[in-house]
Amino acid sequence: MPTVKVRDGESFDRAYRRFVKACEKAGLMSDIKKHQHFEKPSEKRKRKINAARRKMRRMMMKFDHAS
């Protein structure tokens, strides 16, 4: 769990923004969104396969542009 210490003279809004940014950096927000509803094993498998395909496509595009 990310922690943020409020600095002297710092407003609550600014400290809250730093906390939210720390949570996003730690990956908490995406984890919460991922666990909002149950995902069937077949859906999980499809999502992982599609992510791997997107990653491979990006790598190939990067490789093609580098040459």
N, C-alpha and C. Protein backbone atom coordinates (compact mmCIF):
# COMPACT_ATOMS: atom_id res chain seq x y z
N MET A 1 0.84 -1.18 0.00
CA MET A 1 0.00 0.00 0.00
C MET A 1 0.89 1.24 0.00
N PRO A 2 0.73 2.10 -0.99
CA PRO A 2 1.53 3.32 -1.05
C PRO A 2 1.16 4.28 0.08
N THR A 3 2.14 4.95 0.59
CA THR A 3 1.89 5.94 1.63
C THR A 3 2.43 7.28 1.16
N VAL A 4 1.77 8.33 1.62
CA VAL A 4 2.17 9.70 1.28
C VAL A 4 2.14 10.50 2.56
N LYS A 5 3.26 11.13 2.89
CA LYS A 5 3.31 12.00 4.06
C LYS A 5 3.00 13.42 3.61
N VAL A 6 2.09 14.06 4.32
CA VAL A 6 1.70 15.43 3.98
C VAL A 6 2.82 16.36 4.44
N ARG A 7 3.30 17.16 3.53
CA ARG A 7 4.39 18.09 3.81
C ARG A 7 3.85 19.33 4.52
N ASP A 8 4.72 20.06 5.17
CA ASP A 8 4.31 21.30 5.85
C ASP A 8 3.76 22.29 4.84
N GLY A 9 2.59 22.80 5.12
CA GLY A 9 1.98 23.80 4.26
C GLY A 9 1.38 23.24 2.98
N GLU A 10 1.34 21.93 2.84
CA GLU A 10 0.79 21.32 1.62
C GLU A 10 -0.71 21.15 1.77
N SER A 11 -1.45 21.46 0.71
CA SER A 11 -2.90 21.32 0.76
C SER A 11 -3.30 19.85 0.66
N PHE A 12 -4.49 19.56 1.14
CA PHE A 12 -5.00 18.19 1.09
C PHE A 12 -5.13 17.72 -0.35
N ASP A 13 -5.60 18.60 -1.22
CA ASP A 13 -5.80 18.22 -2.63
C ASP A 13 -4.48 17.78 -3.28
N ARG A 14 -3.43 18.51 -2.99
CA ARG A 14 -2.13 18.18 -3.59
C ARG A 14 -1.61 16.84 -3.05
N ALA A 15 -1.77 16.62 -1.75
CA ALA A 15 -1.33 15.35 -1.16
C ALA A 15 -2.17 14.20 -1.71
N TYR A 16 -3.47 14.44 -1.89
CA TYR A 16 -4.36 13.41 -2.44
C TYR A 16 -3.95 13.05 -3.86
N ARG A 17 -3.60 14.06 -4.68
CA ARG A 17 -3.15 13.81 -6.04
C ARG A 17 -1.87 12.97 -6.05
N ARG A 18 -0.94 13.28 -5.12
CA ARG A 18 0.29 12.49 -5.03
C ARG A 18 -0.03 11.05 -4.63
N PHE A 19 -1.01 10.87 -3.74
CA PHE A 19 -1.41 9.52 -3.32
C PHE A 19 -2.01 8.74 -4.48
N VAL A 20 -2.89 9.37 -5.23
CA VAL A 20 -3.52 8.71 -6.38
C VAL A 20 -2.46 8.32 -7.40
N LYS A 21 -1.50 9.21 -7.64
CA LYS A 21 -0.43 8.92 -8.59
C LYS A 21 0.42 7.75 -8.11
N ALA A 22 0.68 7.69 -6.79
CA ALA A 22 1.45 6.58 -6.22
C ALA A 22 0.69 5.27 -6.37
N CYS A 23 -0.62 5.30 -6.20
CA CYS A 23 -1.45 4.10 -6.36
C CYS A 23 -1.41 3.61 -7.80
N GLU A 24 -1.51 4.53 -8.75
CA GLU A 24 -1.46 4.15 -10.16
C GLU A 24 -0.10 3.55 -10.51
N LYS A 25 0.95 4.15 -9.97
CA LYS A 25 2.31 3.66 -10.24
C LYS A 25 2.50 2.26 -9.66
N ALA A 26 1.88 1.98 -8.52
CA ALA A 26 2.00 0.67 -7.89
C ALA A 26 1.11 -0.37 -8.58
N GLY A 27 0.21 0.07 -9.46
CA GLY A 27 -0.64 -0.86 -10.19
C GLY A 27 -1.90 -1.24 -9.45
N LEU A 28 -2.25 -0.51 -8.41
CA LEU A 28 -3.44 -0.84 -7.63
C LEU A 28 -4.72 -0.58 -8.40
N MET A 29 -4.76 0.50 -9.16
CA MET A 29 -5.99 0.85 -9.87
C MET A 29 -6.35 -0.21 -10.92
N SER A 30 -5.36 -0.67 -11.67
CA SER A 30 -5.65 -1.69 -12.68
C SER A 30 -6.03 -3.00 -12.02
N ASP A 31 -5.43 -3.30 -10.87
CA ASP A 31 -5.75 -4.52 -10.14
C ASP A 31 -7.19 -4.47 -9.62
N ILE A 32 -7.63 -3.33 -9.15
CA ILE A 32 -9.00 -3.17 -8.66
C ILE A 32 -9.98 -3.35 -9.81
N LYS A 33 -9.68 -2.73 -10.94
CA LYS A 33 -10.57 -2.86 -12.11
C LYS A 33 -10.64 -4.31 -12.57
N LYS A 34 -9.51 -5.01 -12.49
CA LYS A 34 -9.45 -6.40 -12.92
C LYS A 34 -10.33 -7.30 -12.05
N HIS A 35 -10.46 -6.97 -10.76
CA HIS A 35 -11.19 -7.81 -9.83
C HIS A 35 -12.62 -7.34 -9.56
N GLN A 36 -13.13 -6.42 -10.35
CA GLN A 36 -14.48 -5.93 -10.13
C GLN A 36 -15.54 -6.97 -10.47
N HIS A 37 -15.25 -7.88 -11.37
CA HIS A 37 -16.21 -8.92 -11.72
C HIS A 37 -15.45 -10.21 -12.00
N PHE A 38 -16.15 -11.31 -11.89
CA PHE A 38 -15.52 -12.62 -12.11
C PHE A 38 -15.24 -12.81 -13.58
N GLU A 39 -14.09 -13.37 -13.87
CA GLU A 39 -13.71 -13.65 -15.25
C GLU A 39 -13.55 -15.16 -15.41
N LYS A 40 -14.30 -15.72 -16.35
CA LYS A 40 -14.21 -17.16 -16.58
C LYS A 40 -12.81 -17.52 -17.06
N PRO A 41 -12.35 -18.74 -16.76
CA PRO A 41 -11.02 -19.16 -17.20
C PRO A 41 -10.84 -19.05 -18.72
N SER A 42 -11.89 -19.35 -19.48
CA SER A 42 -11.77 -19.25 -20.94
C SER A 42 -11.58 -17.80 -21.37
N GLU A 43 -12.27 -16.86 -20.71
CA GLU A 43 -12.12 -15.45 -21.03
C GLU A 43 -10.72 -14.97 -20.66
N LYS A 44 -10.22 -15.45 -19.54
CA LYS A 44 -8.88 -15.08 -19.10
C LYS A 44 -7.84 -15.56 -20.11
N ARG A 45 -8.01 -16.79 -20.58
CA ARG A 45 -7.10 -17.36 -21.57
C ARG A 45 -7.13 -16.53 -22.86
N LYS A 46 -8.34 -16.18 -23.33
CA LYS A 46 -8.47 -15.39 -24.55
C LYS A 46 -7.80 -14.02 -24.39
N ARG A 47 -7.99 -13.40 -23.22
CA ARG A 47 -7.40 -12.09 -22.97
C ARG A 47 -5.88 -12.17 -22.99
N LYS A 48 -5.32 -13.22 -22.39
CA LYS A 48 -3.87 -13.39 -22.37
C LYS A 48 -3.33 -13.65 -23.78
N ILE A 49 -4.03 -14.46 -24.56
CA ILE A 49 -3.60 -14.75 -25.94
C ILE A 49 -3.63 -13.48 -26.77
N ASN A 50 -4.70 -12.69 -26.63
CA ASN A 50 -4.79 -11.44 -27.39
C ASN A 50 -3.71 -10.46 -26.97
N ALA A 51 -3.39 -10.40 -25.67
CA ALA A 51 -2.33 -9.52 -25.20
C ALA A 51 -0.99 -9.95 -25.77
N ALA A 52 -0.74 -11.25 -25.84
CA ALA A 52 0.50 -11.75 -26.40
C ALA A 52 0.58 -11.41 -27.89
N ARG A 53 -0.54 -11.51 -28.60
CA ARG A 53 -0.56 -11.16 -30.02
C ARG A 53 -0.26 -9.68 -30.23
N ARG A 54 -0.88 -8.82 -29.39
CA ARG A 54 -0.61 -7.38 -29.50
C ARG A 54 0.85 -7.08 -29.22
N LYS A 55 1.40 -7.73 -28.21
CA LYS A 55 2.81 -7.52 -27.85
C LYS A 55 3.72 -7.95 -29.00
N MET A 56 3.43 -9.10 -29.59
CA MET A 56 4.24 -9.59 -30.71
C MET A 56 4.13 -8.64 -31.90
N ARG A 57 2.92 -8.15 -32.18
CA ARG A 57 2.72 -7.23 -33.29
C ARG A 57 3.51 -5.94 -33.07
N ARG A 58 3.51 -5.42 -31.83
CA ARG A 58 4.28 -4.22 -31.52
C ARG A 58 5.77 -4.46 -31.71
N MET A 59 6.24 -5.64 -31.25
CA MET A 59 7.65 -5.96 -31.38
C MET A 59 8.04 -6.06 -32.86
N MET A 60 7.18 -6.65 -33.67
CA MET A 60 7.47 -6.79 -35.10
C MET A 60 7.49 -5.42 -35.77
N MET A 61 6.55 -4.54 -35.39
CA MET A 61 6.52 -3.20 -35.96
C MET A 61 7.78 -2.44 -35.57
N LYS A 62 8.20 -2.58 -34.33
CA LYS A 62 9.41 -1.92 -33.85
C LYS A 62 10.63 -2.45 -34.60
N PHE A 63 10.68 -3.75 -34.82
CA PHE A 63 11.78 -4.40 -35.52
C PHE A 63 11.83 -3.93 -36.97
N ASP A 64 10.66 -3.84 -37.62
CA ASP A 64 10.59 -3.43 -39.02
C ASP A 64 11.06 -1.98 -39.19
N HIS A 65 10.68 -1.11 -38.24
CA HIS A 65 11.08 0.29 -38.34
C HIS A 65 12.55 0.50 -38.02
N ALA A 66 13.13 -0.37 -37.23
CA ALA A 66 14.54 -0.25 -36.86
C ALA A 66 15.45 -0.63 -38.02
N SER A 67 14.97 -1.48 -38.89
CA SER A 67 15.81 -1.96 -40.01
C SER A 67 15.92 -0.96 -41.10
